[in-house]
Amino acid sequence: MQKPSRIDLLKRAIEYTDGDRRTDYGSPIENHEHIAMIFNSITGKRLTAKDIALVQVATKLARMTSSPKKEDHYIDAMAYIGIAYECEEDVRRDDGRYFYEDK
């Protein structure tokens, strides 16, 4: 059996973030904003949805060291990087400032 290519893994990352998980959890941006609100309430910190997506990437990178051949880590990391990008684009104004900088 041939190992999946990078393109195959990217396609699966797309399916993960735009398929059943989107149906189950809603918009990835809104989901990560919700996670950030919960995290911030618990810790008193001020992380953003993008920060949470990057924490998820860090989790996957850490898991890659203990089980480097598990495809799921790579697929999820690709998906979370895409979500981080969408979060970044979602919070920027036309002038380059962040919406939450007014708060």
PDB file of N, CA and C in Angstrom:
ATOM      1  N   MET A   1       0.837  -1.191   0.000  1.00  0.00           N
ATOM      2  CA  MET A   1       0.000   0.000   0.000  1.00  0.00           C
ATOM      3  C   MET A   1       0.882   1.255   0.000  1.00  0.00           C
ATOM      4  N   GLN A   2       0.550   2.177  -0.866  1.00  0.00           N
ATOM      5  CA  GLN A   2       1.320   3.416  -0.992  1.00  0.00           C
ATOM      6  C   GLN A   2       0.953   4.379   0.137  1.00  0.00           C
ATOM      7  N   LYS A   3       1.965   5.019   0.689  1.00  0.00           N
ATOM      8  CA  LYS A   3       1.737   6.006   1.742  1.00  0.00           C
ATOM      9  C   LYS A   3       1.085   7.237   1.135  1.00  0.00           C
ATOM     10  N   PRO A   4       0.212   7.899   1.898  1.00  0.00           N
ATOM     11  CA  PRO A   4      -0.425   9.106   1.362  1.00  0.00           C
ATOM     12  C   PRO A   4       0.595  10.225   1.166  1.00  0.00           C
ATOM     13  N   SER A   5       0.347  11.026   0.163  1.00  0.00           N
ATOM     14  CA  SER A   5       1.205  12.174  -0.114  1.00  0.00           C
ATOM     15  C   SER A   5       0.765  13.371   0.731  1.00  0.00           C
ATOM     16  N   ARG A   6       1.580  14.401   0.694  1.00  0.00           N
ATOM     17  CA  ARG A   6       1.238  15.657   1.367  1.00  0.00           C
ATOM     18  C   ARG A   6      -0.119  16.166   0.891  1.00  0.00           C
ATOM     19  N   ILE A   7      -0.376  16.054  -0.400  1.00  0.00           N
ATOM     20  CA  ILE A   7      -1.643  16.518  -0.970  1.00  0.00           C
ATOM     21  C   ILE A   7      -2.803  15.705  -0.397  1.00  0.00           C
ATOM     22  N   ASP A   8      -2.617  14.391  -0.266  1.00  0.00           N
ATOM     23  CA  ASP A   8      -3.655  13.546   0.330  1.00  0.00           C
ATOM     24  C   ASP A   8      -3.961  13.997   1.756  1.00  0.00           C
ATOM     25  N   LEU A   9      -2.912  14.285   2.523  1.00  0.00           N
ATOM     26  CA  LEU A   9      -3.108  14.727   3.906  1.00  0.00           C
ATOM     27  C   LEU A   9      -3.788  16.091   3.958  1.00  0.00           C
ATOM     28  N   LEU A  10      -3.414  16.990   3.054  1.00  0.00           N
ATOM     29  CA  LEU A  10      -4.063  18.302   3.005  1.00  0.00           C
ATOM     30  C   LEU A  10      -5.548  18.174   2.667  1.00  0.00           C
ATOM     31  N   LYS A  11      -5.876  17.270   1.763  1.00  0.00           N
ATOM     32  CA  LYS A  11      -7.285  17.045   1.421  1.00  0.00           C
ATOM     33  C   LYS A  11      -8.057  16.548   2.637  1.00  0.00           C
ATOM     34  N   ARG A  12      -7.431  15.663   3.413  1.00  0.00           N
ATOM     35  CA  ARG A  12      -8.098  15.171   4.617  1.00  0.00           C
ATOM     36  C   ARG A  12      -8.234  16.280   5.658  1.00  0.00           C
ATOM     37  N   ALA A  13      -7.256  17.168   5.735  1.00  0.00           N
ATOM     38  CA  ALA A  13      -7.357  18.307   6.653  1.00  0.00           C
ATOM     39  C   ALA A  13      -8.535  19.191   6.267  1.00  0.00           C
ATOM     40  N   ILE A  14      -8.744  19.369   4.965  1.00  0.00           N
ATOM     41  CA  ILE A  14      -9.892  20.145   4.484  1.00  0.00           C
ATOM     42  C   ILE A  14     -11.184  19.453   4.900  1.00  0.00           C
ATOM     43  N   GLU A  15     -11.253  18.158   4.700  1.00  0.00           N
ATOM     44  CA  GLU A  15     -12.452  17.414   5.089  1.00  0.00           C
ATOM     45  C   GLU A  15     -12.718  17.544   6.583  1.00  0.00           C
ATOM     46  N   TYR A  16     -11.659  17.495   7.391  1.00  0.00           N
ATOM     47  CA  TYR A  16     -11.819  17.591   8.848  1.00  0.00           C
ATOM     48  C   TYR A  16     -12.419  18.932   9.259  1.00  0.00           C
ATOM     49  N   THR A  17     -11.981  20.015   8.625  1.00  0.00           N
ATOM     50  CA  THR A  17     -12.424  21.334   9.075  1.00  0.00           C
ATOM     51  C   THR A  17     -13.636  21.860   8.322  1.00  0.00           C
ATOM     52  N   ASP A  18     -14.014  21.203   7.247  1.00  0.00           N
ATOM     53  CA  ASP A  18     -15.154  21.698   6.487  1.00  0.00           C
ATOM     54  C   ASP A  18     -16.223  20.630   6.284  1.00  0.00           C
ATOM     55  N   GLY A  19     -16.084  19.511   6.953  1.00  0.00           N
ATOM     56  CA  GLY A  19     -17.042  18.420   6.788  1.00  0.00           C
ATOM     57  C   GLY A  19     -17.858  18.215   8.045  1.00  0.00           C
ATOM     58  N   ASP A  20     -17.821  16.997   8.555  1.00  0.00           N
ATOM     59  CA  ASP A  20     -18.617  16.636   9.729  1.00  0.00           C
ATOM     60  C   ASP A  20     -18.289  17.482  10.950  1.00  0.00           C
ATOM     61  N   ARG A  21     -17.013  17.802  11.138  1.00  0.00           N
ATOM     62  CA  ARG A  21     -16.640  18.602  12.317  1.00  0.00           C
ATOM     63  C   ARG A  21     -17.275  19.987  12.262  1.00  0.00           C
ATOM     64  N   ARG A  22     -17.367  20.559  11.074  1.00  0.00           N
ATOM     65  CA  ARG A  22     -18.027  21.865  10.959  1.00  0.00           C
ATOM     66  C   ARG A  22     -19.514  21.729  11.295  1.00  0.00           C
ATOM     67  N   THR A  23     -20.111  20.627  10.854  1.00  0.00           N
ATOM     68  CA  THR A  23     -21.514  20.364  11.178  1.00  0.00           C
ATOM     69  C   THR A  23     -21.683  20.168  12.686  1.00  0.00           C
ATOM     70  N   ASP A  24     -20.775  19.420  13.279  1.00  0.00           N
ATOM     71  CA  ASP A  24     -20.859  19.118  14.712  1.00  0.00           C
ATOM     72  C   ASP A  24     -20.552  20.319  15.594  1.00  0.00           C
ATOM     73  N   TYR A  25     -19.517  21.103  15.218  1.00  0.00           N
ATOM     74  CA  TYR A  25     -19.004  22.144  16.107  1.00  0.00           C
ATOM     75  C   TYR A  25     -19.224  23.565  15.605  1.00  0.00           C
ATOM     76  N   GLY A  26     -19.712  23.729  14.396  1.00  0.00           N
ATOM     77  CA  GLY A  26     -19.928  25.057  13.840  1.00  0.00           C
ATOM     78  C   GLY A  26     -18.663  25.628  13.222  1.00  0.00           C
ATOM     79  N   SER A  27     -18.655  26.910  13.021  1.00  0.00           N
ATOM     80  CA  SER A  27     -17.525  27.613  12.415  1.00  0.00           C
ATOM     81  C   SER A  27     -16.258  27.376  13.236  1.00  0.00           C
ATOM     82  N   PRO A  28     -15.148  27.016  12.580  1.00  0.00           N
ATOM     83  CA  PRO A  28     -13.899  26.835  13.331  1.00  0.00           C
ATOM     84  C   PRO A  28     -13.468  28.109  14.065  1.00  0.00           C
ATOM     85  N   ILE A  29     -13.700  29.258  13.459  1.00  0.00           N
ATOM     86  CA  ILE A  29     -13.330  30.513  14.119  1.00  0.00           C
ATOM     87  C   ILE A  29     -14.159  30.702  15.381  1.00  0.00           C
ATOM     88  N   GLU A  30     -15.470  30.549  15.270  1.00  0.00           N
ATOM     89  CA  GLU A  30     -16.334  30.717  16.441  1.00  0.00           C
ATOM     90  C   GLU A  30     -16.016  29.678  17.513  1.00  0.00           C
ATOM     91  N   ASN A  31     -15.719  28.456  17.101  1.00  0.00           N
ATOM     92  CA  ASN A  31     -15.364  27.408  18.052  1.00  0.00           C
ATOM     93  C   ASN A  31     -14.091  27.781  18.808  1.00  0.00           C
ATOM     94  N   HIS A  32     -13.091  28.287  18.105  1.00  0.00           N
ATOM     95  CA  HIS A  32     -11.845  28.666  18.767  1.00  0.00           C
ATOM     96  C   HIS A  32     -12.017  29.931  19.605  1.00  0.00           C
ATOM     97  N   GLU A  33     -12.910  30.825  19.202  1.00  0.00           N
ATOM     98  CA  GLU A  33     -13.228  31.982  20.054  1.00  0.00           C
ATOM     99  C   GLU A  33     -13.861  31.512  21.357  1.00  0.00           C
ATOM    100  N   HIS A  34     -14.742  30.531  21.273  1.00  0.00           N
ATOM    101  CA  HIS A  34     -15.393  29.985  22.460  1.00  0.00           C
ATOM    102  C   HIS A  34     -14.367  29.323  23.380  1.00  0.00           C
ATOM    103  N   ILE A  35     -13.461  28.543  22.800  1.00  0.00           N
ATOM    104  CA  ILE A  35     -12.400  27.909  23.584  1.00  0.00           C
ATOM    105  C   ILE A  35     -11.554  28.980  24.269  1.00  0.00           C
ATOM    106  N   ALA A  36     -11.221  30.060  23.546  1.00  0.00           N
ATOM    107  CA  ALA A  36     -10.423  31.154  24.119  1.00  0.00           C
ATOM    108  C   ALA A  36     -11.155  31.798  25.285  1.00  0.00           C
ATOM    109  N   MET A  37     -12.458  32.023  25.150  1.00  0.00           N
ATOM    110  CA  MET A  37     -13.235  32.617  26.242  1.00  0.00           C
ATOM    111  C   MET A  37     -13.175  31.737  27.488  1.00  0.00           C
ATOM    112  N   ILE A  38     -13.334  30.439  27.308  1.00  0.00           N
ATOM    113  CA  ILE A  38     -13.285  29.508  28.442  1.00  0.00           C
ATOM    114  C   ILE A  38     -11.892  29.517  29.064  1.00  0.00           C
ATOM    115  N   PHE A  39     -10.854  29.396  28.224  1.00  0.00           N
ATOM    116  CA  PHE A  39      -9.476  29.403  28.711  1.00  0.00           C
ATOM    117  C   PHE A  39      -9.176  30.696  29.469  1.00  0.00           C
ATOM    118  N   ASN A  40      -9.582  31.823  28.895  1.00  0.00           N
ATOM    119  CA  ASN A  40      -9.315  33.112  29.518  1.00  0.00           C
ATOM    120  C   ASN A  40     -10.043  33.258  30.845  1.00  0.00           C
ATOM    121  N   SER A  41     -11.258  32.717  30.932  1.00  0.00           N
ATOM    122  CA  SER A  41     -12.008  32.764  32.192  1.00  0.00           C
ATOM    123  C   SER A  41     -11.308  31.953  33.272  1.00  0.00           C
ATOM    124  N   ILE A  42     -10.761  30.824  32.886  1.00  0.00           N
ATOM    125  CA  ILE A  42     -10.084  29.954  33.849  1.00  0.00           C
ATOM    126  C   ILE A  42      -8.752  30.544  34.290  1.00  0.00           C
ATOM    127  N   THR A  43      -7.993  31.108  33.355  1.00  0.00           N
ATOM    128  CA  THR A  43      -6.613  31.526  33.639  1.00  0.00           C
ATOM    129  C   THR A  43      -6.433  33.020  33.875  1.00  0.00           C
ATOM    130  N   GLY A  44      -7.411  33.818  33.473  1.00  0.00           N
ATOM    131  CA  GLY A  44      -7.250  35.262  33.560  1.00  0.00           C
ATOM    132  C   GLY A  44      -6.371  35.814  32.447  1.00  0.00           C
ATOM    133  N   LYS A  45      -6.023  34.994  31.475  1.00  0.00           N
ATOM    134  CA  LYS A  45      -5.200  35.423  30.343  1.00  0.00           C
ATOM    135  C   LYS A  45      -6.082  36.044  29.272  1.00  0.00           C
ATOM    136  N   ARG A  46      -5.474  36.458  28.188  1.00  0.00           N
ATOM    137  CA  ARG A  46      -6.226  37.066  27.086  1.00  0.00           C
ATOM    138  C   ARG A  46      -5.787  36.466  25.753  1.00  0.00           C
ATOM    139  N   LEU A  47      -5.999  35.174  25.603  1.00  0.00           N
ATOM    140  CA  LEU A  47      -5.664  34.528  24.337  1.00  0.00           C
ATOM    141  C   LEU A  47      -6.790  34.744  23.335  1.00  0.00           C
ATOM    142  N   THR A  48      -6.424  34.737  22.072  1.00  0.00           N
ATOM    143  CA  THR A  48      -7.390  34.889  20.992  1.00  0.00           C
ATOM    144  C   THR A  48      -7.707  33.524  20.378  1.00  0.00           C
ATOM    145  N   ALA A  49      -8.664  33.513  19.487  1.00  0.00           N
ATOM    146  CA  ALA A  49      -8.989  32.282  18.759  1.00  0.00           C
ATOM    147  C   ALA A  49      -7.758  31.784  18.005  1.00  0.00           C
ATOM    148  N   LYS A  50      -7.005  32.694  17.410  1.00  0.00           N
ATOM    149  CA  LYS A  50      -5.786  32.306  16.701  1.00  0.00           C
ATOM    150  C   LYS A  50      -4.782  31.678  17.658  1.00  0.00           C
ATOM    151  N   ASP A  51      -4.633  32.258  18.840  1.00  0.00           N
ATOM    152  CA  ASP A  51      -3.722  31.689  19.833  1.00  0.00           C
ATOM    153  C   ASP A  51      -4.108  30.255  20.174  1.00  0.00           C
ATOM    154  N   ILE A  52      -5.396  30.018  20.322  1.00  0.00           N
ATOM    155  CA  ILE A  52      -5.875  28.669  20.650  1.00  0.00           C
ATOM    156  C   ILE A  52      -5.538  27.709  19.513  1.00  0.00           C
ATOM    157  N   ALA A  53      -5.743  28.132  18.280  1.00  0.00           N
ATOM    158  CA  ALA A  53      -5.396  27.269  17.145  1.00  0.00           C
ATOM    159  C   ALA A  53      -3.909  26.943  17.156  1.00  0.00           C
ATOM    160  N   LEU A  54      -3.074  27.915  17.511  1.00  0.00           N
ATOM    161  CA  LEU A  54      -1.630  27.677  17.572  1.00  0.00           C
ATOM    162  C   LEU A  54      -1.260  26.763  18.739  1.00  0.00           C
ATOM    163  N   VAL A  55      -1.994  26.856  19.838  1.00  0.00           N
ATOM    164  CA  VAL A  55      -1.792  25.910  20.948  1.00  0.00           C
ATOM    165  C   VAL A  55      -2.125  24.496  20.475  1.00  0.00           C
ATOM    166  N   GLN A  56      -3.176  24.375  19.673  1.00  0.00           N
ATOM    167  CA  GLN A  56      -3.535  23.061  19.125  1.00  0.00           C
ATOM    168  C   GLN A  56      -2.409  22.537  18.223  1.00  0.00           C
ATOM    169  N   VAL A  57      -1.804  23.423  17.436  1.00  0.00           N
ATOM    170  CA  VAL A  57      -0.660  23.027  16.599  1.00  0.00           C
ATOM    171  C   VAL A  57       0.475  22.538  17.500  1.00  0.00           C
ATOM    172  N   ALA A  58       0.743  23.274  18.574  1.00  0.00           N
ATOM    173  CA  ALA A  58       1.808  22.878  19.500  1.00  0.00           C
ATOM    174  C   ALA A  58       1.536  21.493  20.086  1.00  0.00           C
ATOM    175  N   THR A  59       0.277  21.226  20.399  1.00  0.00           N
ATOM    176  CA  THR A  59      -0.101  19.903  20.907  1.00  0.00           C
ATOM    177  C   THR A  59       0.250  18.833  19.890  1.00  0.00           C
ATOM    178  N   LYS A  60      -0.090  19.086  18.636  1.00  0.00           N
ATOM    179  CA  LYS A  60       0.184  18.101  17.588  1.00  0.00           C
ATOM    180  C   LYS A  60       1.691  17.942  17.372  1.00  0.00           C
ATOM    181  N   LEU A  61       2.456  19.028  17.450  1.00  0.00           N
ATOM    182  CA  LEU A  61       3.905  18.925  17.310  1.00  0.00           C
ATOM    183  C   LEU A  61       4.500  18.088  18.439  1.00  0.00           C
ATOM    184  N   ALA A  62       3.997  18.286  19.653  1.00  0.00           N
ATOM    185  CA  ALA A  62       4.477  17.496  20.784  1.00  0.00           C
ATOM    186  C   ALA A  62       4.147  16.019  20.594  1.00  0.00           C
ATOM    187  N   ARG A  63       2.961  15.745  20.111  1.00  0.00           N
ATOM    188  CA  ARG A  63       2.567  14.354  19.892  1.00  0.00           C
ATOM    189  C   ARG A  63       3.367  13.698  18.781  1.00  0.00           C
ATOM    190  N   MET A  64       3.812  14.497  17.809  1.00  0.00           N
ATOM    191  CA  MET A  64       4.636  13.952  16.723  1.00  0.00           C
ATOM    192  C   MET A  64       5.947  13.378  17.241  1.00  0.00           C
ATOM    193  N   THR A  65       6.443  13.911  18.354  1.00  0.00           N
ATOM    194  CA  THR A  65       7.698  13.389  18.887  1.00  0.00           C
ATOM    195  C   THR A  65       7.516  12.017  19.518  1.00  0.00           C
ATOM    196  N   SER A  66       6.337  11.752  20.092  1.00  0.00           N
ATOM    197  CA  SER A  66       6.124  10.444  20.714  1.00  0.00           C
ATOM    198  C   SER A  66       5.575   9.407  19.738  1.00  0.00           C
ATOM    199  N   SER A  67       4.861   9.851  18.731  1.00  0.00           N
ATOM    200  CA  SER A  67       4.350   8.913  17.721  1.00  0.00           C
ATOM    201  C   SER A  67       4.458   9.568  16.340  1.00  0.00           C
ATOM    202  N   PRO A  68       5.690   9.640  15.814  1.00  0.00           N
ATOM    203  CA  PRO A  68       5.955  10.398  14.589  1.00  0.00           C
ATOM    204  C   PRO A  68       5.323   9.839  13.318  1.00  0.00           C
ATOM    205  N   LYS A  69       4.867   8.622  13.329  1.00  0.00           N
ATOM    206  CA  LYS A  69       4.289   8.044  12.114  1.00  0.00           C
ATOM    207  C   LYS A  69       2.768   8.117  12.086  1.00  0.00           C
ATOM    208  N   LYS A  70       2.170   8.691  13.109  1.00  0.00           N
ATOM    209  CA  LYS A  70       0.711   8.785  13.160  1.00  0.00           C
ATOM    210  C   LYS A  70       0.238   9.940  12.269  1.00  0.00           C
ATOM    211  N   GLU A  71      -0.464   9.599  11.209  1.00  0.00           N
ATOM    212  CA  GLU A  71      -0.914  10.596  10.219  1.00  0.00           C
ATOM    213  C   GLU A  71      -1.815  11.654  10.838  1.00  0.00           C
ATOM    214  N   ASP A  72      -2.618  11.256  11.790  1.00  0.00           N
ATOM    215  CA  ASP A  72      -3.589  12.167  12.399  1.00  0.00           C
ATOM    216  C   ASP A  72      -2.926  13.442  12.915  1.00  0.00           C
ATOM    217  N   HIS A  73      -1.739  13.322  13.509  1.00  0.00           N
ATOM    218  CA  HIS A  73      -1.044  14.509  14.033  1.00  0.00           C
ATOM    219  C   HIS A  73      -0.765  15.516  12.918  1.00  0.00           C
ATOM    220  N   TYR A  74      -0.314  15.014  11.791  1.00  0.00           N
ATOM    221  CA  TYR A  74       0.036  15.881  10.665  1.00  0.00           C
ATOM    222  C   TYR A  74      -1.210  16.508  10.042  1.00  0.00           C
ATOM    223  N   ILE A  75      -2.244  15.712   9.892  1.00  0.00           N
ATOM    224  CA  ILE A  75      -3.494  16.206   9.312  1.00  0.00           C
ATOM    225  C   ILE A  75      -4.091  17.287  10.205  1.00  0.00           C
ATOM    226  N   ASP A  76      -4.163  17.002  11.510  1.00  0.00           N
ATOM    227  CA  ASP A  76      -4.725  17.990  12.434  1.00  0.00           C
ATOM    228  C   ASP A  76      -3.882  19.263  12.465  1.00  0.00           C
ATOM    229  N   ALA A  77      -2.551  19.130  12.456  1.00  0.00           N
ATOM    230  CA  ALA A  77      -1.691  20.320  12.469  1.00  0.00           C
ATOM    231  C   ALA A  77      -1.947  21.179  11.234  1.00  0.00           C
ATOM    232  N   MET A  78      -2.098  20.533  10.072  1.00  0.00           N
ATOM    233  CA  MET A  78      -2.407  21.272   8.846  1.00  0.00           C
ATOM    234  C   MET A  78      -3.737  22.011   8.987  1.00  0.00           C
ATOM    235  N   ALA A  79      -4.713  21.335   9.531  1.00  0.00           N
ATOM    236  CA  ALA A  79      -6.034  21.943   9.701  1.00  0.00           C
ATOM    237  C   ALA A  79      -5.969  23.122  10.667  1.00  0.00           C
ATOM    238  N   TYR A  80      -5.262  22.949  11.794  1.00  0.00           N
ATOM    239  CA  TYR A  80      -5.174  24.035  12.774  1.00  0.00           C
ATOM    240  C   TYR A  80      -4.404  25.234  12.235  1.00  0.00           C
ATOM    241  N   ILE A  81      -3.397  25.011  11.412  1.00  0.00           N
ATOM    242  CA  ILE A  81      -2.681  26.132  10.785  1.00  0.00           C
ATOM    243  C   ILE A  81      -3.647  26.917   9.885  1.00  0.00           C
ATOM    244  N   GLY A  82      -4.491  26.193   9.136  1.00  0.00           N
ATOM    245  CA  GLY A  82      -5.490  26.862   8.303  1.00  0.00           C
ATOM    246  C   GLY A  82      -6.481  27.658   9.136  1.00  0.00           C
ATOM    247  N   ILE A  83      -6.893  27.092  10.266  1.00  0.00           N
ATOM    248  CA  ILE A  83      -7.815  27.802  11.157  1.00  0.00           C
ATOM    249  C   ILE A  83      -7.135  29.040  11.732  1.00  0.00           C
ATOM    250  N   ALA A  84      -5.869  28.934  12.117  1.00  0.00           N
ATOM    251  CA  ALA A  84      -5.136  30.094  12.641  1.00  0.00           C
ATOM    252  C   ALA A  84      -5.114  31.214  11.605  1.00  0.00           C
ATOM    253  N   TYR A  85      -4.893  30.854  10.350  1.00  0.00           N
ATOM    254  CA  TYR A  85      -4.903  31.846   9.271  1.00  0.00           C
ATOM    255  C   TYR A  85      -6.277  32.510   9.158  1.00  0.00           C
ATOM    256  N   GLU A  86      -7.330  31.696   9.172  1.00  0.00           N
ATOM    257  CA  GLU A  86      -8.675  32.266   9.068  1.00  0.00           C
ATOM    258  C   GLU A  86      -8.981  33.170  10.254  1.00  0.00           C
ATOM    259  N   CYS A  87      -8.545  32.781  11.441  1.00  0.00           N
ATOM    260  CA  CYS A  87      -8.754  33.626  12.622  1.00  0.00           C
ATOM    261  C   CYS A  87      -8.039  34.956  12.463  1.00  0.00           C
ATOM    262  N   GLU A  88      -6.824  34.914  11.971  1.00  0.00           N
ATOM    263  CA  GLU A  88      -6.049  36.145  11.753  1.00  0.00           C
ATOM    264  C   GLU A  88      -6.759  37.063  10.770  1.00  0.00           C
ATOM    265  N   GLU A  89      -7.232  36.503   9.693  1.00  0.00           N
ATOM    266  CA  GLU A  89      -7.932  37.306   8.688  1.00  0.00           C
ATOM    267  C   GLU A  89      -9.252  37.834   9.236  1.00  0.00           C
ATOM    268  N   ASP A  90      -9.885  37.079  10.109  1.00  0.00           N
ATOM    269  CA  ASP A  90     -11.189  37.452  10.648  1.00  0.00           C
ATOM    270  C   ASP A  90     -11.110  38.636  11.600  1.00  0.00           C
ATOM    271  N   VAL A  91      -9.973  38.817  12.285  1.00  0.00           N
ATOM    272  CA  VAL A  91      -9.891  39.859  13.307  1.00  0.00           C
ATOM    273  C   VAL A  91      -9.155  41.108  12.849  1.00  0.00           C
ATOM    274  N   ARG A  92      -8.712  41.143  11.615  1.00  0.00           N
ATOM    275  CA  ARG A  92      -7.990  42.317  11.113  1.00  0.00           C
ATOM    276  C   ARG A  92      -8.949  43.305  10.463  1.00  0.00           C
ATOM    277  N   ARG A  93      -8.720  44.559  10.732  1.00  0.00           N
ATOM    278  CA  ARG A  93      -9.457  45.612  10.052  1.00  0.00           C
ATOM    279  C   ARG A  93      -8.750  45.941   8.753  1.00  0.00           C
ATOM    280  N   ASP A  94      -9.371  46.779   7.968  1.00  0.00           N
ATOM    281  CA  ASP A  94      -8.744  47.216   6.725  1.00  0.00           C
ATOM    282  C   ASP A  94      -7.440  47.976   6.982  1.00  0.00           C
ATOM    283  N   ASP A  95      -7.352  48.643   8.153  1.00  0.00           N
ATOM    284  CA  ASP A  95      -6.135  49.398   8.469  1.00  0.00           C
ATOM    285  C   ASP A  95      -5.052  48.531   9.107  1.00  0.00           C
ATOM    286  N   GLY A  96      -5.295  47.212   9.211  1.00  0.00           N
ATOM    287  CA  GLY A  96      -4.289  46.297   9.743  1.00  0.00           C
ATOM    288  C   GLY A  96      -4.366  46.080  11.240  1.00  0.00           C
ATOM    289  N   ARG A  97      -5.158  46.914  11.934  1.00  0.00           N
ATOM    290  CA  ARG A  97      -5.311  46.736  13.381  1.00  0.00           C
ATOM    291  C   ARG A  97      -6.298  45.612  13.655  1.00  0.00           C
ATOM    292  N   TYR A  98      -6.252  45.083  14.861  1.00  0.00           N
ATOM    293  CA  TYR A  98      -7.167  44.021  15.266  1.00  0.00           C
ATOM    294  C   TYR A  98      -8.433  44.625  15.867  1.00  0.00           C
ATOM    295  N   PHE A  99      -9.578  43.974  15.629  1.00  0.00           N
ATOM    296  CA  PHE A  99     -10.833  44.437  16.196  1.00  0.00           C
ATOM    297  C   PHE A  99     -10.771  44.481  17.720  1.00  0.00           C
ATOM    298  N   TYR A 100     -10.152  43.508  18.341  1.00  0.00           N
ATOM    299  CA  TYR A 100     -10.145  43.437  19.796  1.00  0.00           C
ATOM    300  C   TYR A 100      -9.207  44.470  20.433  1.00  0.00           C
ATOM    301  N   GLU A 101      -8.447  45.202  19.639  1.00  0.00           N
ATOM    302  CA  GLU A 101      -7.570  46.228  20.206  1.00  0.00           C
ATOM    303  C   GLU A 101      -8.379  47.414  20.742  1.00  0.00           C
ATOM    304  N   ASP A 102      -9.630  47.559  20.337  1.00  0.00           N
ATOM    305  CA  ASP A 102     -10.476  48.631  20.830  1.00  0.00           C
ATOM    306  C   ASP A 102     -11.043  48.333  22.209  1.00  0.00           C
ATOM    307  N   LYS A 103     -10.998  47.082  22.597  1.00  0.00           N
ATOM    308  CA  LYS A 103     -11.652  46.672  23.846  1.00  0.00           C
ATOM    309  C   LYS A 103     -10.768  46.891  25.048  1.00  0.00           C
TER     310      LYS A 103
END
